[in-house]
Amino acid sequence: MGKSENRVLVKLKSTESPYLYYTKKNKKNTEDRLELKKYDPVIRKHVLFKESK
């Protein structure tokens, strides 16, 4: 079994600071951009992270 081409590395950017978070997503199941609530260590609270290019 080789690498799956459906999984891609995406960059999530905090809406309140310059902090970036990297994760993988399945392009086949999630075609639109990700929006997740994650912990931002710069401002030390949970904020919305949006997928950027």
C-alpha atoms as a PDB file:
ATOM      1  CA  MET A   1       0.000   0.000   0.000  1.00  0.00           C
ATOM      2  CA  GLY A   2       1.291   3.446  -0.983  1.00  0.00           C
ATOM      3  CA  LYS A   3       0.513   6.925   0.180  1.00  0.00           C
ATOM      4  CA  SER A   4      -3.058   8.084  -0.171  1.00  0.00           C
ATOM      5  CA  GLU A   5      -3.564  11.013  -2.516  1.00  0.00           C
ATOM      6  CA  ASN A   6      -6.799  11.976  -0.762  1.00  0.00           C
ATOM      7  CA  ARG A   7      -4.964  13.134   2.387  1.00  0.00           C
ATOM      8  CA  VAL A   8      -3.323  16.537   2.100  1.00  0.00           C
ATOM      9  CA  LEU A   9      -1.434  18.737   4.555  1.00  0.00           C
ATOM     10  CA  VAL A  10      -3.356  21.942   5.319  1.00  0.00           C
ATOM     11  CA  LYS A  11      -2.374  25.080   7.186  1.00  0.00           C
ATOM     12  CA  LEU A  12      -4.802  26.491   9.758  1.00  0.00           C
ATOM     13  CA  LYS A  13      -4.352  30.132  10.767  1.00  0.00           C
ATOM     14  CA  SER A  14      -5.646  31.619  13.997  1.00  0.00           C
ATOM     15  CA  THR A  15      -8.242  34.366  13.587  1.00  0.00           C
ATOM     16  CA  GLU A  16      -6.787  36.338  16.518  1.00  0.00           C
ATOM     17  CA  SER A  17      -3.002  35.921  16.284  1.00  0.00           C
ATOM     18  CA  PRO A  18      -0.296  35.012  13.743  1.00  0.00           C
ATOM     19  CA  TYR A  19      -0.075  31.432  15.077  1.00  0.00           C
ATOM     20  CA  LEU A  20      -0.272  28.589  12.508  1.00  0.00           C
ATOM     21  CA  TYR A  21      -1.375  24.996  13.033  1.00  0.00           C
ATOM     22  CA  TYR A  22      -0.725  22.188  10.507  1.00  0.00           C
ATOM     23  CA  THR A  23      -2.955  19.156  10.091  1.00  0.00           C
ATOM     24  CA  LYS A  24      -4.069  16.680   7.435  1.00  0.00           C
ATOM     25  CA  LYS A  25      -7.502  16.426   5.890  1.00  0.00           C
ATOM     26  CA  ASN A  26      -9.191  14.050   3.501  1.00  0.00           C
ATOM     27  CA  LYS A  27      -9.996  16.058   0.350  1.00  0.00           C
ATOM     28  CA  LYS A  28     -12.482  13.446  -0.823  1.00  0.00           C
ATOM     29  CA  ASN A  29     -14.694  13.802   2.279  1.00  0.00           C
ATOM     30  CA  THR A  30     -14.027  17.467   3.112  1.00  0.00           C
ATOM     31  CA  GLU A  31     -13.991  19.521  -0.059  1.00  0.00           C
ATOM     32  CA  ASP A  32     -14.570  22.945   1.526  1.00  0.00           C
ATOM     33  CA  ARG A  33     -12.184  24.720   3.865  1.00  0.00           C
ATOM     34  CA  LEU A  34     -11.752  23.611   7.466  1.00  0.00           C
ATOM     35  CA  GLU A  35     -12.793  25.751  10.429  1.00  0.00           C
ATOM     36  CA  LEU A  36     -11.861  24.351  13.825  1.00  0.00           C
ATOM     37  CA  LYS A  37     -11.760  25.666  17.365  1.00  0.00           C
ATOM     38  CA  LYS A  38      -8.263  24.996  18.696  1.00  0.00           C
ATOM     39  CA  TYR A  39      -6.051  26.248  21.510  1.00  0.00           C
ATOM     40  CA  ASP A  40      -3.888  29.234  20.597  1.00  0.00           C
ATOM     41  CA  PRO A  41      -0.740  29.302  22.771  1.00  0.00           C
ATOM     42  CA  VAL A  42       0.066  32.913  21.806  1.00  0.00           C
ATOM     43  CA  ILE A  43      -3.053  34.376  23.433  1.00  0.00           C
ATOM     44  CA  ARG A  44      -3.631  31.327  25.673  1.00  0.00           C
ATOM     45  CA  LYS A  45      -7.272  30.572  24.858  1.00  0.00           C
ATOM     46  CA  HIS A  46      -9.397  28.633  22.381  1.00  0.00           C
ATOM     47  CA  VAL A  47     -10.110  30.504  19.140  1.00  0.00           C
ATOM     48  CA  LEU A  48     -11.341  29.746  15.647  1.00  0.00           C
ATOM     49  CA  PHE A  49      -8.735  28.526  13.149  1.00  0.00           C
ATOM     50  CA  LYS A  50      -9.438  28.785   9.424  1.00  0.00           C
ATOM     51  CA  GLU A  51      -7.745  26.920   6.607  1.00  0.00           C
ATOM     52  CA  SER A  52      -5.455  29.100   4.510  1.00  0.00           C
ATOM     53  CA  LYS A  53      -3.561  28.421   1.293  1.00  0.00           C
END
